[in-house]
Amino acid sequence: MRRIRLAGQLAEPISHYTDAVEASGFLYISGMLPVNADGELVGTGDVIRQSEQVLDNVGAVLQSAGATFDDVVRVGVFVRDMADRELVNTVRRRYFGDARPASTLVEVSALANPDALVEIEAVALLPGDGHKA
């Protein structure tokens, strides 16, 4: 098992967790918020810009483990307003292309950053383990 922490690329975790954990051929990515490396919220009030920042953060973790969005097998998406679902999905399609991971999308009353509109967690099957997502 290997814990991944992208210090300098992603903001310091706000609680007791790491950016991702590699275990048994999978990469488990913690919920990513729309914050930059300094921990500053990006795209206040703009769910599209926030979704891009979140997926940029997910992409950085994937890249650090030698994976891409094609390797993602599951995502969990948390939105503050279900009316933003299609806007978030539009951004997801740009990042995932033809890859279609299993997915859950739920509306929540709050996220760890009170101005965040979206948070995404992911699980990827790591390449090179004799498997293909």
C-alpha atoms as a PDB file:
ATOM      1  CA  MET A   1       0.000   0.000   0.000  1.00  0.00           C
ATOM      2  CA  ARG A   2       1.243   3.482  -0.872  1.00  0.00           C
ATOM      3  CA  ARG A   3      -0.170   6.797   0.268  1.00  0.00           C
ATOM      4  CA  ILE A   4       0.010   9.652  -2.232  1.00  0.00           C
ATOM      5  CA  ARG A   5       0.396  13.245  -1.124  1.00  0.00           C
ATOM      6  CA  LEU A   6       0.947  15.890  -3.810  1.00  0.00           C
ATOM      7  CA  ALA A   7       2.453  18.612  -1.651  1.00  0.00           C
ATOM      8  CA  GLY A   8       2.906  21.796  -3.635  1.00  0.00           C
ATOM      9  CA  GLN A   9       0.450  20.679  -6.308  1.00  0.00           C
ATOM     10  CA  LEU A  10      -2.651  20.233  -4.176  1.00  0.00           C
ATOM     11  CA  ALA A  11      -3.748  22.089  -1.078  1.00  0.00           C
ATOM     12  CA  GLU A  12      -2.874  20.659   2.324  1.00  0.00           C
ATOM     13  CA  PRO A  13      -5.696  18.341   3.469  1.00  0.00           C
ATOM     14  CA  ILE A  14      -8.109  20.021   5.862  1.00  0.00           C
ATOM     15  CA  SER A  15      -8.464  16.899   7.971  1.00  0.00           C
ATOM     16  CA  HIS A  16      -6.652  13.628   8.690  1.00  0.00           C
ATOM     17  CA  TYR A  17      -6.411  12.096   5.193  1.00  0.00           C
ATOM     18  CA  THR A  18      -4.155  11.873   2.150  1.00  0.00           C
ATOM     19  CA  ASP A  19      -4.837  12.713  -1.498  1.00  0.00           C
ATOM     20  CA  ALA A  20      -5.004   9.048  -2.505  1.00  0.00           C
ATOM     21  CA  VAL A  21      -4.046   5.531  -1.539  1.00  0.00           C
ATOM     22  CA  GLU A  22      -2.764   2.823  -3.881  1.00  0.00           C
ATOM     23  CA  ALA A  23      -3.843  -0.643  -2.752  1.00  0.00           C
ATOM     24  CA  SER A  24      -4.268  -3.998  -4.517  1.00  0.00           C
ATOM     25  CA  GLY A  25      -3.974  -2.481  -7.997  1.00  0.00           C
ATOM     26  CA  PHE A  26      -6.439   0.315  -7.352  1.00  0.00           C
ATOM     27  CA  LEU A  27      -6.035   4.027  -6.697  1.00  0.00           C
ATOM     28  CA  TYR A  28      -8.548   5.466  -4.229  1.00  0.00           C
ATOM     29  CA  ILE A  29      -8.701   9.253  -4.625  1.00  0.00           C
ATOM     30  CA  SER A  30     -10.072  11.316  -1.762  1.00  0.00           C
ATOM     31  CA  GLY A  31     -12.873  13.784  -2.385  1.00  0.00           C
ATOM     32  CA  MET A  32     -11.393  16.774  -4.202  1.00  0.00           C
ATOM     33  CA  LEU A  33     -12.687  20.291  -3.658  1.00  0.00           C
ATOM     34  CA  PRO A  34     -12.374  23.217  -6.103  1.00  0.00           C
ATOM     35  CA  VAL A  35      -9.275  24.689  -4.470  1.00  0.00           C
ATOM     36  CA  ASN A  36      -5.863  25.560  -5.882  1.00  0.00           C
ATOM     37  CA  ALA A  37      -2.481  24.548  -4.447  1.00  0.00           C
ATOM     38  CA  ASP A  38      -2.720  27.364  -1.895  1.00  0.00           C
ATOM     39  CA  GLY A  39      -6.077  26.085  -0.639  1.00  0.00           C
ATOM     40  CA  GLU A  40      -7.971  29.017  -2.167  1.00  0.00           C
ATOM     41  CA  LEU A  41     -11.413  28.365  -3.607  1.00  0.00           C
ATOM     42  CA  VAL A  42     -11.514  28.684  -7.401  1.00  0.00           C
ATOM     43  CA  GLY A  43     -14.636  29.847  -9.263  1.00  0.00           C
ATOM     44  CA  THR A  44     -16.792  31.267  -6.485  1.00  0.00           C
ATOM     45  CA  GLY A  45     -20.421  30.800  -7.516  1.00  0.00           C
ATOM     46  CA  ASP A  46     -19.438  29.122 -10.828  1.00  0.00           C
ATOM     47  CA  VAL A  47     -20.104  25.369 -10.810  1.00  0.00           C
ATOM     48  CA  ILE A  48     -18.472  24.902 -14.224  1.00  0.00           C
ATOM     49  CA  ARG A  49     -15.181  26.512 -13.161  1.00  0.00           C
ATOM     50  CA  GLN A  50     -15.313  24.656  -9.840  1.00  0.00           C
ATOM     51  CA  SER A  51     -15.885  21.329 -11.634  1.00  0.00           C
ATOM     52  CA  GLU A  52     -12.876  22.021 -13.854  1.00  0.00           C
ATOM     53  CA  GLN A  53     -10.680  22.725 -10.821  1.00  0.00           C
ATOM     54  CA  VAL A  54     -11.902  19.592  -9.052  1.00  0.00           C
ATOM     55  CA  LEU A  55     -11.162  17.434 -12.100  1.00  0.00           C
ATOM     56  CA  ASP A  56      -7.778  19.132 -12.576  1.00  0.00           C
ATOM     57  CA  ASN A  57      -7.005  18.045  -9.005  1.00  0.00           C
ATOM     58  CA  VAL A  58      -8.227  14.499  -9.683  1.00  0.00           C
ATOM     59  CA  GLY A  59      -6.140  14.466 -12.869  1.00  0.00           C
ATOM     60  CA  ALA A  60      -3.009  15.491 -10.945  1.00  0.00           C
ATOM     61  CA  VAL A  61      -3.468  12.550  -8.576  1.00  0.00           C
ATOM     62  CA  LEU A  62      -4.106  10.143 -11.455  1.00  0.00           C
ATOM     63  CA  GLN A  63      -0.982  11.345 -13.256  1.00  0.00           C
ATOM     64  CA  SER A  64       1.140  10.939 -10.124  1.00  0.00           C
ATOM     65  CA  ALA A  65       0.206   7.250 -10.090  1.00  0.00           C
ATOM     66  CA  GLY A  66       0.720   6.753 -13.841  1.00  0.00           C
ATOM     67  CA  ALA A  67      -3.001   6.648 -14.573  1.00  0.00           C
ATOM     68  CA  THR A  68      -5.442   8.694 -16.652  1.00  0.00           C
ATOM     69  CA  PHE A  69      -9.154   9.377 -16.659  1.00  0.00           C
ATOM     70  CA  ASP A  70      -9.509   6.281 -18.889  1.00  0.00           C
ATOM     71  CA  ASP A  71      -8.448   4.177 -15.888  1.00  0.00           C
ATOM     72  CA  VAL A  72     -11.171   5.518 -13.576  1.00  0.00           C
ATOM     73  CA  VAL A  73     -13.737   2.832 -12.774  1.00  0.00           C
ATOM     74  CA  ARG A  74     -15.925   4.766 -10.318  1.00  0.00           C
ATOM     75  CA  VAL A  75     -16.668   8.362  -9.330  1.00  0.00           C
ATOM     76  CA  GLY A  76     -18.726   9.850  -6.556  1.00  0.00           C
ATOM     77  CA  VAL A  77     -19.990  13.367  -7.247  1.00  0.00           C
ATOM     78  CA  PHE A  78     -21.422  15.587  -4.533  1.00  0.00           C
ATOM     79  CA  VAL A  79     -23.252  18.764  -5.548  1.00  0.00           C
ATOM     80  CA  ARG A  80     -24.863  21.454  -3.434  1.00  0.00           C
ATOM     81  CA  ASP A  81     -27.709  21.866  -5.955  1.00  0.00           C
ATOM     82  CA  MET A  82     -29.075  19.054  -8.124  1.00  0.00           C
ATOM     83  CA  ALA A  83     -30.007  21.692 -10.713  1.00  0.00           C
ATOM     84  CA  ASP A  84     -26.242  21.890 -11.478  1.00  0.00           C
ATOM     85  CA  ARG A  85     -26.128  18.228 -12.526  1.00  0.00           C
ATOM     86  CA  GLU A  86     -26.052  18.849 -16.284  1.00  0.00           C
ATOM     87  CA  LEU A  87     -23.405  21.585 -15.979  1.00  0.00           C
ATOM     88  CA  VAL A  88     -21.167  19.254 -13.953  1.00  0.00           C
ATOM     89  CA  ASN A  89     -21.784  16.422 -16.424  1.00  0.00           C
ATOM     90  CA  THR A  90     -20.786  18.677 -19.336  1.00  0.00           C
ATOM     91  CA  VAL A  91     -17.406  19.224 -17.682  1.00  0.00           C
ATOM     92  CA  ARG A  92     -17.082  15.523 -16.821  1.00  0.00           C
ATOM     93  CA  ARG A  93     -17.568  14.580 -20.470  1.00  0.00           C
ATOM     94  CA  ARG A  94     -14.673  16.862 -21.465  1.00  0.00           C
ATOM     95  CA  TYR A  95     -12.315  15.224 -18.965  1.00  0.00           C
ATOM     96  CA  PHE A  96     -13.455  11.605 -19.333  1.00  0.00           C
ATOM     97  CA  GLY A  97     -14.092  11.541 -23.083  1.00  0.00           C
ATOM     98  CA  ASP A  98     -15.457   8.131 -24.067  1.00  0.00           C
ATOM     99  CA  ALA A  99     -14.608   6.611 -20.664  1.00  0.00           C
ATOM    100  CA  ARG A 100     -17.772   6.031 -18.658  1.00  0.00           C
ATOM    101  CA  PRO A 101     -17.016   5.003 -15.083  1.00  0.00           C
ATOM    102  CA  ALA A 102     -19.647   3.783 -12.664  1.00  0.00           C
ATOM    103  CA  SER A 103     -20.981   6.876 -10.959  1.00  0.00           C
ATOM    104  CA  THR A 104     -23.047   8.220  -8.118  1.00  0.00           C
ATOM    105  CA  LEU A 105     -24.233  11.829  -7.964  1.00  0.00           C
ATOM    106  CA  VAL A 106     -25.933  13.145  -4.850  1.00  0.00           C
ATOM    107  CA  GLU A 107     -27.046  16.518  -3.573  1.00  0.00           C
ATOM    108  CA  VAL A 108     -25.638  17.444  -0.178  1.00  0.00           C
ATOM    109  CA  SER A 109     -26.483  20.264   2.198  1.00  0.00           C
ATOM    110  CA  ALA A 110     -22.870  21.315   2.700  1.00  0.00           C
ATOM    111  CA  LEU A 111     -19.271  20.555   1.752  1.00  0.00           C
ATOM    112  CA  ALA A 112     -16.102  21.070   3.811  1.00  0.00           C
ATOM    113  CA  ASN A 113     -15.578  24.469   2.160  1.00  0.00           C
ATOM    114  CA  PRO A 114     -18.843  26.391   2.600  1.00  0.00           C
ATOM    115  CA  ASP A 115     -18.468  28.073  -0.831  1.00  0.00           C
ATOM    116  CA  ALA A 116     -17.753  24.846  -2.726  1.00  0.00           C
ATOM    117  CA  LEU A 117     -20.506  23.740  -5.079  1.00  0.00           C
ATOM    118  CA  VAL A 118     -19.045  20.351  -6.079  1.00  0.00           C
ATOM    119  CA  GLU A 119     -16.723  17.644  -4.742  1.00  0.00           C
ATOM    120  CA  ILE A 120     -15.598  14.506  -6.582  1.00  0.00           C
ATOM    121  CA  GLU A 121     -13.926  11.300  -5.379  1.00  0.00           C
ATOM    122  CA  ALA A 122     -12.690   8.543  -7.688  1.00  0.00           C
ATOM    123  CA  VAL A 123     -11.351   5.001  -7.891  1.00  0.00           C
ATOM    124  CA  ALA A 124      -9.028   3.967 -10.716  1.00  0.00           C
ATOM    125  CA  LEU A 125      -7.646   0.601 -11.753  1.00  0.00           C
ATOM    126  CA  LEU A 126      -3.926   1.172 -12.072  1.00  0.00           C
ATOM    127  CA  PRO A 127      -2.362   0.272 -15.418  1.00  0.00           C
ATOM    128  CA  GLY A 128       0.324  -2.376 -15.545  1.00  0.00           C
ATOM    129  CA  ASP A 129      -1.420  -4.787 -13.201  1.00  0.00           C
ATOM    130  CA  GLY A 130      -2.596  -6.981 -16.053  1.00  0.00           C
ATOM    131  CA  HIS A 131      -5.995  -5.340 -15.992  1.00  0.00           C
ATOM    132  CA  LYS A 132      -7.707  -2.862 -18.259  1.00  0.00           C
ATOM    133  CA  ALA A 133     -10.460  -0.532 -17.088  1.00  0.00           C
END
